[in-house]
C-alpha cells in the first residue's frame, strides 16, 4: 500500500488552519504525483449536482513544476467522459487516447500535452459524486496498479472530510 502519512499530515495542517486553501490544494496535488508516481495530478470539483460542469481547483505538472487552476470542462464538449464518471465513478485509461470515455480529449488536451494515460477517481461526499482526482502520465503509457487506485479512493474519502464545510455550502440543496 502506498504511504498516506504525508496526506494525513497535510489534512491535519489544513483542518487546524495552519495553511490556506491554495497551499492545501497545491500540496495535495504534489503529494498525489509523488505517491502515485505520475507526471500530473489534479483536483476537480463539480459545479453543481447536475454533474455537467467541472472545474480544476489545482493541476500540478511535476515535470515543469507548475500549478494551474480554473479550467472548466463542460459535458457538451466531453460527453463520453462525463457519462462515464457519472455511471462508474472512475476511469482507468492506460491508453487514454483510445479509451471510449477519454478519446474526446485527444485534440484539445492529450496531444498538445503529450498525455498517454489517465486515471480518474471520483470524490464522493454523503453518497454524491462531488469531484475527481485525476492522474496523468506524460510521454509514455502507464498501467495503473490496484494500489494506486486504492490510494486515490482513500485520498478521496479523506479530502471529502477535509473539504466538508466547502462541500456542504456548495451542494447545500442536497445536504
N, C-alpha and C. Protein backbone atom coordinates (compact mmCIF):
# COMPACT_ATOMS: atom_id res chain seq x y z
N UNK A 1 0.84 -1.19 0.00
CA UNK A 1 0.00 0.00 0.00
C UNK A 1 0.88 1.24 0.00
N UNK A 2 0.46 2.26 -0.73
CA UNK A 2 1.21 3.49 -0.79
C UNK A 2 1.10 4.25 0.54
N UNK A 3 2.08 5.06 0.83
CA UNK A 3 2.18 5.80 2.09
C UNK A 3 1.17 6.95 2.14
N UNK A 4 0.39 7.00 3.21
CA UNK A 4 -0.60 8.08 3.37
C UNK A 4 -0.21 9.10 4.44
N UNK A 5 0.97 8.93 5.01
CA UNK A 5 1.38 9.82 6.10
C UNK A 5 1.42 11.28 5.66
N UNK A 6 1.98 11.56 4.49
CA UNK A 6 2.07 12.94 4.01
C UNK A 6 0.70 13.54 3.80
N UNK A 7 -0.21 12.74 3.27
CA UNK A 7 -1.57 13.20 3.03
C UNK A 7 -2.29 13.50 4.36
N UNK A 8 -2.14 12.61 5.30
CA UNK A 8 -2.77 12.81 6.61
C UNK A 8 -2.23 14.04 7.33
N UNK A 9 -0.92 14.25 7.26
CA UNK A 9 -0.32 15.44 7.88
C UNK A 9 -0.81 16.72 7.20
N UNK A 10 -0.93 16.68 5.89
CA UNK A 10 -1.43 17.84 5.15
C UNK A 10 -2.87 18.16 5.58
N UNK A 11 -3.71 17.15 5.66
CA UNK A 11 -5.10 17.37 6.06
C UNK A 11 -5.17 17.93 7.48
N UNK A 12 -4.33 17.41 8.37
CA UNK A 12 -4.31 17.93 9.75
C UNK A 12 -3.93 19.40 9.76
N UNK A 13 -2.91 19.78 9.00
CA UNK A 13 -2.48 21.18 8.94
C UNK A 13 -3.61 22.07 8.39
N UNK A 14 -4.32 21.56 7.41
CA UNK A 14 -5.42 22.32 6.80
C UNK A 14 -6.60 22.47 7.77
N UNK A 15 -6.99 21.37 8.41
CA UNK A 15 -8.11 21.42 9.35
C UNK A 15 -7.81 22.31 10.55
N UNK A 16 -6.53 22.39 10.94
CA UNK A 16 -6.12 23.24 12.06
C UNK A 16 -5.83 24.68 11.62
N UNK A 17 -6.11 24.96 10.35
CA UNK A 17 -5.96 26.31 9.77
C UNK A 17 -4.51 26.82 9.78
N UNK A 18 -3.56 25.88 9.65
CA UNK A 18 -2.15 26.27 9.58
C UNK A 18 -1.74 26.63 8.15
N UNK A 19 -2.56 26.24 7.18
CA UNK A 19 -2.31 26.59 5.78
C UNK A 19 -3.62 27.05 5.14
N UNK A 20 -3.50 27.86 4.10
CA UNK A 20 -4.69 28.36 3.42
C UNK A 20 -5.15 27.38 2.33
N UNK A 21 -6.28 27.68 1.71
CA UNK A 21 -6.86 26.78 0.71
C UNK A 21 -5.89 26.51 -0.44
N UNK A 22 -5.32 27.57 -0.98
CA UNK A 22 -4.43 27.42 -2.14
C UNK A 22 -3.24 26.52 -1.82
N UNK A 23 -2.62 26.76 -0.69
CA UNK A 23 -1.48 25.93 -0.27
C UNK A 23 -1.91 24.48 -0.09
N UNK A 24 -3.09 24.28 0.47
CA UNK A 24 -3.61 22.93 0.64
C UNK A 24 -3.77 22.23 -0.70
N UNK A 25 -4.44 22.88 -1.65
CA UNK A 25 -4.68 22.26 -2.95
C UNK A 25 -3.38 21.96 -3.69
N UNK A 26 -2.45 22.90 -3.65
CA UNK A 26 -1.17 22.70 -4.34
C UNK A 26 -0.37 21.58 -3.68
N UNK A 27 -0.33 21.56 -2.37
CA UNK A 27 0.39 20.49 -1.67
C UNK A 27 -0.26 19.14 -1.93
N UNK A 28 -1.57 19.12 -1.98
CA UNK A 28 -2.30 17.89 -2.26
C UNK A 28 -1.92 17.30 -3.62
N UNK A 29 -1.93 18.11 -4.67
CA UNK A 29 -1.61 17.58 -5.99
C UNK A 29 -0.13 17.18 -6.10
N UNK A 30 0.73 17.87 -5.38
CA UNK A 30 2.14 17.48 -5.36
C UNK A 30 2.30 16.12 -4.68
N UNK A 31 1.61 15.91 -3.57
CA UNK A 31 1.66 14.62 -2.88
C UNK A 31 1.14 13.51 -3.78
N UNK A 32 0.05 13.78 -4.49
CA UNK A 32 -0.51 12.76 -5.37
C UNK A 32 0.47 12.35 -6.46
N UNK A 33 1.15 13.31 -7.10
CA UNK A 33 2.11 12.94 -8.14
C UNK A 33 3.25 12.11 -7.55
N UNK A 34 3.67 12.48 -6.36
CA UNK A 34 4.76 11.76 -5.71
C UNK A 34 4.35 10.33 -5.35
N UNK A 35 3.21 10.19 -4.70
CA UNK A 35 2.77 8.87 -4.23
C UNK A 35 2.34 7.96 -5.38
N UNK A 36 1.64 8.50 -6.35
CA UNK A 36 1.17 7.69 -7.48
C UNK A 36 2.30 7.45 -8.48
N UNK A 37 3.25 8.38 -8.55
CA UNK A 37 4.37 8.24 -9.49
C UNK A 37 4.00 8.68 -10.89
N UNK A 38 3.08 9.62 -11.00
CA UNK A 38 2.62 10.09 -12.31
C UNK A 38 3.20 11.47 -12.61
N UNK A 39 3.01 11.92 -13.85
CA UNK A 39 3.55 13.20 -14.29
C UNK A 39 2.72 14.39 -13.81
N UNK A 40 1.40 14.19 -13.78
CA UNK A 40 0.49 15.29 -13.46
C UNK A 40 -0.64 14.78 -12.58
N UNK A 41 -1.09 15.62 -11.66
CA UNK A 41 -2.25 15.28 -10.83
C UNK A 41 -3.08 16.53 -10.63
N UNK A 42 -4.39 16.32 -10.53
CA UNK A 42 -5.28 17.47 -10.35
C UNK A 42 -6.48 17.11 -9.49
N UNK A 43 -7.03 18.15 -8.89
CA UNK A 43 -8.26 18.07 -8.10
C UNK A 43 -9.30 18.89 -8.83
N UNK A 44 -10.45 18.26 -9.10
CA UNK A 44 -11.56 18.91 -9.80
C UNK A 44 -12.80 18.82 -8.93
N UNK A 45 -13.62 19.87 -8.93
CA UNK A 45 -14.90 19.83 -8.25
C UNK A 45 -16.01 20.15 -9.24
N UNK A 46 -17.10 19.40 -9.13
CA UNK A 46 -18.27 19.68 -9.96
C UNK A 46 -18.89 21.00 -9.52
N UNK A 47 -19.49 21.70 -10.47
CA UNK A 47 -20.09 23.00 -10.18
C UNK A 47 -21.43 22.88 -9.46
N UNK A 48 -22.16 21.80 -9.74
CA UNK A 48 -23.45 21.59 -9.10
C UNK A 48 -23.84 20.12 -9.20
N UNK A 49 -25.03 19.81 -8.77
CA UNK A 49 -25.47 18.41 -8.73
C UNK A 49 -25.84 17.84 -10.08
N UNK A 50 -25.91 18.65 -11.11
CA UNK A 50 -26.18 18.13 -12.45
C UNK A 50 -24.97 17.39 -13.01
N UNK A 51 -23.80 17.65 -12.44
CA UNK A 51 -22.55 17.00 -12.83
C UNK A 51 -22.25 17.18 -14.32
N UNK A 52 -22.57 18.35 -14.86
CA UNK A 52 -22.30 18.61 -16.27
C UNK A 52 -21.25 19.69 -16.49
N UNK A 53 -20.63 20.12 -15.40
CA UNK A 53 -19.53 21.10 -15.46
C UNK A 53 -18.61 20.81 -14.29
N UNK A 54 -17.31 20.84 -14.59
CA UNK A 54 -16.32 20.55 -13.55
C UNK A 54 -15.18 21.56 -13.68
N UNK A 55 -14.63 21.98 -12.53
CA UNK A 55 -13.57 23.00 -12.52
C UNK A 55 -12.31 22.46 -11.86
N UNK A 56 -11.18 22.77 -12.47
CA UNK A 56 -9.89 22.39 -11.89
C UNK A 56 -9.58 23.32 -10.73
N UNK A 57 -9.51 22.76 -9.54
CA UNK A 57 -9.14 23.53 -8.35
C UNK A 57 -7.62 23.69 -8.31
N UNK A 58 -6.91 22.64 -8.70
CA UNK A 58 -5.46 22.73 -8.88
C UNK A 58 -5.00 21.59 -9.78
N UNK A 59 -4.12 21.92 -10.71
CA UNK A 59 -3.47 20.92 -11.57
C UNK A 59 -1.97 21.14 -11.43
N UNK A 60 -1.27 20.09 -11.04
CA UNK A 60 0.18 20.17 -10.85
C UNK A 60 0.88 19.35 -11.92
N UNK A 61 1.80 19.99 -12.62
CA UNK A 61 2.64 19.33 -13.62
C UNK A 61 4.02 19.16 -12.99
N UNK A 62 4.33 17.94 -12.59
CA UNK A 62 5.58 17.67 -11.87
C UNK A 62 6.81 17.93 -12.74
N UNK A 63 6.73 17.58 -14.03
CA UNK A 63 7.89 17.73 -14.90
C UNK A 63 8.27 19.20 -15.08
N UNK A 64 7.28 20.07 -15.12
CA UNK A 64 7.52 21.51 -15.30
C UNK A 64 7.46 22.27 -13.98
N UNK A 65 7.07 21.59 -12.91
CA UNK A 65 6.94 22.18 -11.57
C UNK A 65 6.06 23.43 -11.59
N UNK A 66 4.87 23.30 -12.21
CA UNK A 66 3.94 24.43 -12.23
C UNK A 66 2.54 23.97 -11.82
N UNK A 67 1.81 24.91 -11.25
CA UNK A 67 0.42 24.70 -10.86
C UNK A 67 -0.45 25.60 -11.73
N UNK A 68 -1.65 25.12 -12.02
CA UNK A 68 -2.65 25.94 -12.70
C UNK A 68 -4.01 25.58 -12.12
N UNK A 69 -4.98 26.46 -12.37
CA UNK A 69 -6.33 26.24 -11.85
C UNK A 69 -7.32 27.03 -12.70
N UNK A 70 -8.59 26.72 -12.49
CA UNK A 70 -9.65 27.50 -13.10
C UNK A 70 -10.20 26.97 -14.42
N UNK A 71 -9.55 25.99 -15.02
CA UNK A 71 -10.06 25.42 -16.27
C UNK A 71 -11.40 24.75 -15.96
N UNK A 72 -12.36 24.96 -16.86
CA UNK A 72 -13.67 24.34 -16.72
C UNK A 72 -13.92 23.44 -17.91
N UNK A 73 -14.47 22.27 -17.62
CA UNK A 73 -14.87 21.34 -18.67
C UNK A 73 -16.39 21.21 -18.62
N UNK A 74 -16.99 21.13 -19.82
CA UNK A 74 -18.44 21.07 -19.94
C UNK A 74 -18.85 19.79 -20.64
N UNK A 75 -19.94 19.22 -20.17
CA UNK A 75 -20.43 17.97 -20.73
C UNK A 75 -20.68 18.06 -22.23
N UNK A 76 -21.16 19.18 -22.70
CA UNK A 76 -21.47 19.30 -24.13
C UNK A 76 -20.23 19.07 -25.01
N UNK A 77 -19.05 19.34 -24.49
CA UNK A 77 -17.81 19.13 -25.24
C UNK A 77 -17.17 17.77 -24.99
N UNK A 78 -17.45 17.18 -23.84
CA UNK A 78 -16.78 15.94 -23.43
C UNK A 78 -17.80 14.93 -22.88
N UNK A 79 -18.87 14.72 -23.59
CA UNK A 79 -19.99 13.90 -23.14
C UNK A 79 -19.58 12.48 -22.72
N UNK A 80 -18.75 11.77 -23.49
CA UNK A 80 -18.39 10.41 -23.06
C UNK A 80 -17.70 10.36 -21.69
N UNK A 81 -16.87 11.36 -21.43
CA UNK A 81 -16.17 11.42 -20.14
C UNK A 81 -17.16 11.64 -19.00
N UNK A 82 -18.03 12.63 -19.16
CA UNK A 82 -18.99 12.94 -18.10
C UNK A 82 -19.92 11.75 -17.84
N UNK A 83 -20.37 11.10 -18.89
CA UNK A 83 -21.25 9.94 -18.74
C UNK A 83 -20.54 8.82 -17.99
N UNK A 84 -19.28 8.57 -18.31
CA UNK A 84 -18.52 7.51 -17.65
C UNK A 84 -18.31 7.82 -16.17
N UNK A 85 -18.00 9.06 -15.85
CA UNK A 85 -17.79 9.42 -14.44
C UNK A 85 -19.09 9.29 -13.66
N UNK A 86 -20.20 9.72 -14.25
CA UNK A 86 -21.49 9.59 -13.55
C UNK A 86 -21.87 8.13 -13.33
N UNK A 87 -21.61 7.28 -14.31
CA UNK A 87 -22.05 5.88 -14.18
C UNK A 87 -21.08 5.02 -13.38
N UNK A 88 -19.79 5.20 -13.56
CA UNK A 88 -18.81 4.32 -12.91
C UNK A 88 -18.08 4.96 -11.75
N UNK A 89 -17.99 6.28 -11.73
CA UNK A 89 -17.26 6.97 -10.66
C UNK A 89 -15.76 6.91 -10.81
N UNK A 90 -15.28 6.26 -11.87
CA UNK A 90 -13.84 6.22 -12.13
C UNK A 90 -13.59 5.87 -13.59
N UNK A 91 -12.40 6.24 -14.05
CA UNK A 91 -11.96 5.88 -15.39
C UNK A 91 -10.51 5.46 -15.30
N UNK A 92 -10.24 4.23 -15.69
CA UNK A 92 -8.89 3.67 -15.72
C UNK A 92 -8.53 3.54 -17.20
N UNK A 93 -7.71 4.47 -17.68
CA UNK A 93 -7.40 4.52 -19.12
C UNK A 93 -5.89 4.55 -19.35
N UNK A 94 -5.23 3.38 -19.31
CA UNK A 94 -3.80 3.36 -19.61
C UNK A 94 -3.50 3.91 -21.01
N UNK A 95 -4.36 3.61 -21.96
CA UNK A 95 -4.24 4.17 -23.31
C UNK A 95 -5.38 5.17 -23.48
N UNK A 96 -5.24 6.32 -22.85
CA UNK A 96 -6.30 7.32 -22.79
C UNK A 96 -6.71 7.83 -24.17
N UNK A 97 -5.79 7.80 -25.11
CA UNK A 97 -6.09 8.31 -26.45
C UNK A 97 -7.06 7.40 -27.20
N UNK A 98 -7.16 6.14 -26.77
CA UNK A 98 -8.05 5.18 -27.44
C UNK A 98 -9.25 4.78 -26.57
N UNK A 99 -9.25 5.15 -25.32
CA UNK A 99 -10.33 4.77 -24.41
C UNK A 99 -11.62 5.47 -24.82
N UNK A 100 -12.75 4.75 -24.87
CA UNK A 100 -14.00 5.35 -25.34
C UNK A 100 -14.46 6.57 -24.53
N UNK A 101 -14.15 6.61 -23.24
CA UNK A 101 -14.59 7.73 -22.41
C UNK A 101 -13.65 8.93 -22.45
N UNK A 102 -12.42 8.72 -22.93
CA UNK A 102 -11.44 9.81 -22.84
C UNK A 102 -10.87 10.26 -24.18
N UNK A 103 -11.10 9.53 -25.23
CA UNK A 103 -10.51 9.95 -26.52
C UNK A 103 -11.08 11.29 -26.99
N UNK A 104 -12.17 11.74 -26.39
CA UNK A 104 -12.72 13.07 -26.71
C UNK A 104 -11.77 14.19 -26.31
N UNK A 105 -10.75 13.90 -25.50
CA UNK A 105 -9.76 14.89 -25.09
C UNK A 105 -8.54 14.96 -26.02
N UNK A 106 -8.44 14.06 -26.98
CA UNK A 106 -7.23 13.95 -27.80
C UNK A 106 -6.78 15.27 -28.39
N UNK A 107 -7.59 15.86 -29.21
CA UNK A 107 -7.18 17.03 -29.98
C UNK A 107 -6.88 18.25 -29.11
N UNK A 108 -7.74 18.49 -28.12
CA UNK A 108 -7.61 19.71 -27.32
C UNK A 108 -6.70 19.57 -26.10
N UNK A 109 -6.45 18.33 -25.67
CA UNK A 109 -5.73 18.19 -24.41
C UNK A 109 -4.61 17.16 -24.44
N UNK A 110 -4.91 15.91 -24.78
CA UNK A 110 -3.90 14.86 -24.71
C UNK A 110 -2.74 15.11 -25.67
N UNK A 111 -3.01 15.35 -26.94
CA UNK A 111 -1.93 15.52 -27.92
C UNK A 111 -1.07 16.75 -27.62
N UNK A 112 -1.64 17.93 -27.35
CA UNK A 112 -0.78 19.09 -27.05
C UNK A 112 0.06 18.92 -25.79
N UNK A 113 -0.42 18.12 -24.83
CA UNK A 113 0.29 17.93 -23.57
C UNK A 113 1.04 16.60 -23.48
N UNK A 114 1.07 15.83 -24.58
CA UNK A 114 1.79 14.56 -24.65
C UNK A 114 1.31 13.55 -23.60
N UNK A 115 0.00 13.56 -23.29
CA UNK A 115 -0.57 12.68 -22.28
C UNK A 115 -0.98 11.36 -22.94
N UNK A 116 -0.56 10.26 -22.31
CA UNK A 116 -0.87 8.93 -22.80
C UNK A 116 -1.84 8.18 -21.89
N UNK A 117 -1.71 8.38 -20.58
CA UNK A 117 -2.50 7.59 -19.64
C UNK A 117 -3.22 8.50 -18.65
N UNK A 118 -4.40 8.02 -18.23
CA UNK A 118 -5.22 8.80 -17.31
C UNK A 118 -5.89 7.86 -16.32
N UNK A 119 -5.91 8.27 -15.06
CA UNK A 119 -6.64 7.57 -14.02
C UNK A 119 -7.45 8.61 -13.25
N UNK A 120 -8.77 8.54 -13.36
CA UNK A 120 -9.66 9.46 -12.67
C UNK A 120 -10.49 8.68 -11.66
N UNK A 121 -10.47 9.15 -10.42
CA UNK A 121 -11.22 8.52 -9.34
C UNK A 121 -12.15 9.58 -8.76
N UNK A 122 -13.44 9.25 -8.69
CA UNK A 122 -14.42 10.19 -8.17
C UNK A 122 -14.26 10.42 -6.67
N UNK A 123 -14.59 11.64 -6.26
CA UNK A 123 -14.62 12.00 -4.85
C UNK A 123 -16.10 12.05 -4.47
N UNK A 124 -16.47 11.26 -3.48
CA UNK A 124 -17.86 11.12 -3.07
C UNK A 124 -18.04 11.70 -1.68
N UNK A 125 -19.12 12.48 -1.52
CA UNK A 125 -19.45 13.08 -0.23
C UNK A 125 -20.92 12.79 0.04
N UNK A 126 -21.21 12.14 1.16
CA UNK A 126 -22.58 11.75 1.51
C UNK A 126 -23.28 11.01 0.38
N UNK A 127 -22.56 10.12 -0.28
CA UNK A 127 -23.11 9.31 -1.34
C UNK A 127 -23.23 9.99 -2.70
N UNK A 128 -22.79 11.23 -2.81
CA UNK A 128 -22.92 12.00 -4.04
C UNK A 128 -21.54 12.29 -4.64
N UNK A 129 -21.38 12.05 -5.94
CA UNK A 129 -20.15 12.40 -6.63
C UNK A 129 -20.02 13.93 -6.64
N UNK A 130 -18.93 14.45 -6.09
CA UNK A 130 -18.74 15.90 -6.00
C UNK A 130 -17.45 16.39 -6.67
N UNK A 131 -16.55 15.46 -6.94
CA UNK A 131 -15.28 15.86 -7.53
C UNK A 131 -14.53 14.68 -8.09
N UNK A 132 -13.32 14.97 -8.57
CA UNK A 132 -12.49 13.96 -9.22
C UNK A 132 -11.03 14.24 -8.92
N UNK A 133 -10.29 13.17 -8.61
CA UNK A 133 -8.84 13.21 -8.64
C UNK A 133 -8.44 12.67 -10.01
N UNK A 134 -7.57 13.39 -10.68
CA UNK A 134 -7.11 12.97 -12.00
C UNK A 134 -5.59 12.83 -11.96
N UNK A 135 -5.10 11.66 -12.37
CA UNK A 135 -3.67 11.43 -12.52
C UNK A 135 -3.39 11.15 -13.98
N UNK A 136 -2.32 11.74 -14.50
CA UNK A 136 -1.98 11.61 -15.91
C UNK A 136 -0.50 11.26 -16.06
N UNK A 137 -0.21 10.50 -17.11
CA UNK A 137 1.18 10.17 -17.42
C UNK A 137 1.53 10.76 -18.77
N UNK A 138 2.62 11.50 -18.79
CA UNK A 138 3.12 12.17 -19.99
C UNK A 138 4.23 11.34 -20.61
N UNK A 139 4.25 11.28 -21.94
CA UNK A 139 5.37 10.69 -22.66
C UNK A 139 5.36 9.19 -22.84
N UNK A 140 4.56 8.48 -22.05
CA UNK A 140 4.51 7.02 -22.14
C UNK A 140 3.24 6.50 -21.49
N UNK A 141 2.89 5.29 -21.84
CA UNK A 141 1.73 4.64 -21.26
C UNK A 141 2.07 4.15 -19.86
N UNK A 142 1.12 4.32 -18.94
CA UNK A 142 1.28 3.79 -17.59
C UNK A 142 0.10 2.86 -17.30
N UNK A 143 0.40 1.66 -16.91
CA UNK A 143 -0.63 0.72 -16.45
C UNK A 143 -0.85 1.00 -14.98
N UNK A 144 -2.04 1.43 -14.63
CA UNK A 144 -2.34 1.81 -13.25
C UNK A 144 -2.51 0.55 -12.39
N UNK A 145 -1.80 0.49 -11.28
CA UNK A 145 -1.85 -0.65 -10.38
C UNK A 145 -3.02 -0.52 -9.39
N UNK A 146 -3.45 -1.63 -8.87
CA UNK A 146 -4.56 -1.65 -7.91
C UNK A 146 -4.24 -0.78 -6.69
N UNK A 147 -2.99 -0.78 -6.24
CA UNK A 147 -2.64 0.02 -5.06
C UNK A 147 -2.72 1.52 -5.35
N UNK A 148 -2.45 1.94 -6.59
CA UNK A 148 -2.61 3.35 -6.95
C UNK A 148 -4.08 3.76 -6.90
N UNK A 149 -4.93 2.89 -7.44
CA UNK A 149 -6.38 3.17 -7.42
C UNK A 149 -6.90 3.22 -5.99
N UNK A 150 -6.47 2.26 -5.17
CA UNK A 150 -6.91 2.22 -3.77
C UNK A 150 -6.43 3.47 -3.02
N UNK A 151 -5.21 3.90 -3.29
CA UNK A 151 -4.69 5.12 -2.66
C UNK A 151 -5.57 6.32 -3.01
N UNK A 152 -5.91 6.47 -4.28
CA UNK A 152 -6.74 7.61 -4.70
C UNK A 152 -8.14 7.52 -4.09
N UNK A 153 -8.70 6.33 -4.02
CA UNK A 153 -10.02 6.18 -3.41
C UNK A 153 -9.99 6.60 -1.94
N UNK A 154 -8.96 6.16 -1.23
CA UNK A 154 -8.82 6.55 0.18
C UNK A 154 -8.56 8.05 0.30
N UNK A 155 -7.74 8.58 -0.58
CA UNK A 155 -7.47 10.02 -0.57
C UNK A 155 -8.76 10.79 -0.79
N UNK A 156 -9.63 10.30 -1.67
CA UNK A 156 -10.91 10.95 -1.92
C UNK A 156 -11.76 11.04 -0.67
N UNK A 157 -11.78 9.97 0.11
CA UNK A 157 -12.54 9.97 1.37
C UNK A 157 -11.97 10.97 2.36
N UNK A 158 -10.65 11.01 2.43
CA UNK A 158 -10.00 11.94 3.36
C UNK A 158 -10.22 13.39 2.93
N UNK A 159 -10.15 13.65 1.64
CA UNK A 159 -10.32 15.01 1.14
C UNK A 159 -11.77 15.45 1.30
N UNK A 160 -12.72 14.56 1.08
CA UNK A 160 -14.13 14.91 1.31
C UNK A 160 -14.33 15.33 2.76
N UNK A 161 -13.67 14.64 3.68
CA UNK A 161 -13.73 15.02 5.09
C UNK A 161 -13.11 16.40 5.31
N UNK A 162 -11.95 16.63 4.72
CA UNK A 162 -11.25 17.91 4.89
C UNK A 162 -12.05 19.07 4.29
N UNK A 163 -12.72 18.82 3.19
CA UNK A 163 -13.46 19.87 2.48
C UNK A 163 -14.93 19.93 2.87
N UNK A 164 -15.30 19.26 3.94
CA UNK A 164 -16.71 19.18 4.34
C UNK A 164 -17.40 20.54 4.38
N UNK A 165 -16.84 21.56 5.01
CA UNK A 165 -17.55 22.86 5.04
C UNK A 165 -17.78 23.43 3.63
N UNK A 166 -16.79 23.34 2.78
CA UNK A 166 -16.94 23.82 1.40
C UNK A 166 -18.01 23.02 0.66
N UNK A 167 -17.97 21.70 0.79
CA UNK A 167 -18.92 20.84 0.09
C UNK A 167 -20.34 21.04 0.60
N UNK A 168 -20.50 21.22 1.91
CA UNK A 168 -21.82 21.48 2.47
C UNK A 168 -22.40 22.77 1.91
N UNK A 169 -21.56 23.77 1.79
CA UNK A 169 -22.02 25.06 1.24
C UNK A 169 -22.32 24.94 -0.26
N UNK A 170 -21.41 24.33 -0.99
CA UNK A 170 -21.53 24.24 -2.45
C UNK A 170 -22.74 23.40 -2.87
N UNK A 171 -22.99 22.33 -2.16
CA UNK A 171 -24.07 21.42 -2.51
C UNK A 171 -25.17 21.45 -1.46
N UNK A 172 -25.47 22.62 -0.93
CA UNK A 172 -26.43 22.77 0.17
C UNK A 172 -27.81 22.25 -0.18
N UNK A 173 -28.19 22.26 -1.45
CA UNK A 173 -29.52 21.77 -1.82
C UNK A 173 -29.66 20.27 -1.62
N UNK A 174 -28.55 19.56 -1.52
CA UNK A 174 -28.61 18.11 -1.32
C UNK A 174 -28.45 17.74 0.15
N UNK A 175 -27.61 18.46 0.88
CA UNK A 175 -27.26 18.05 2.24
C UNK A 175 -27.93 18.93 3.27
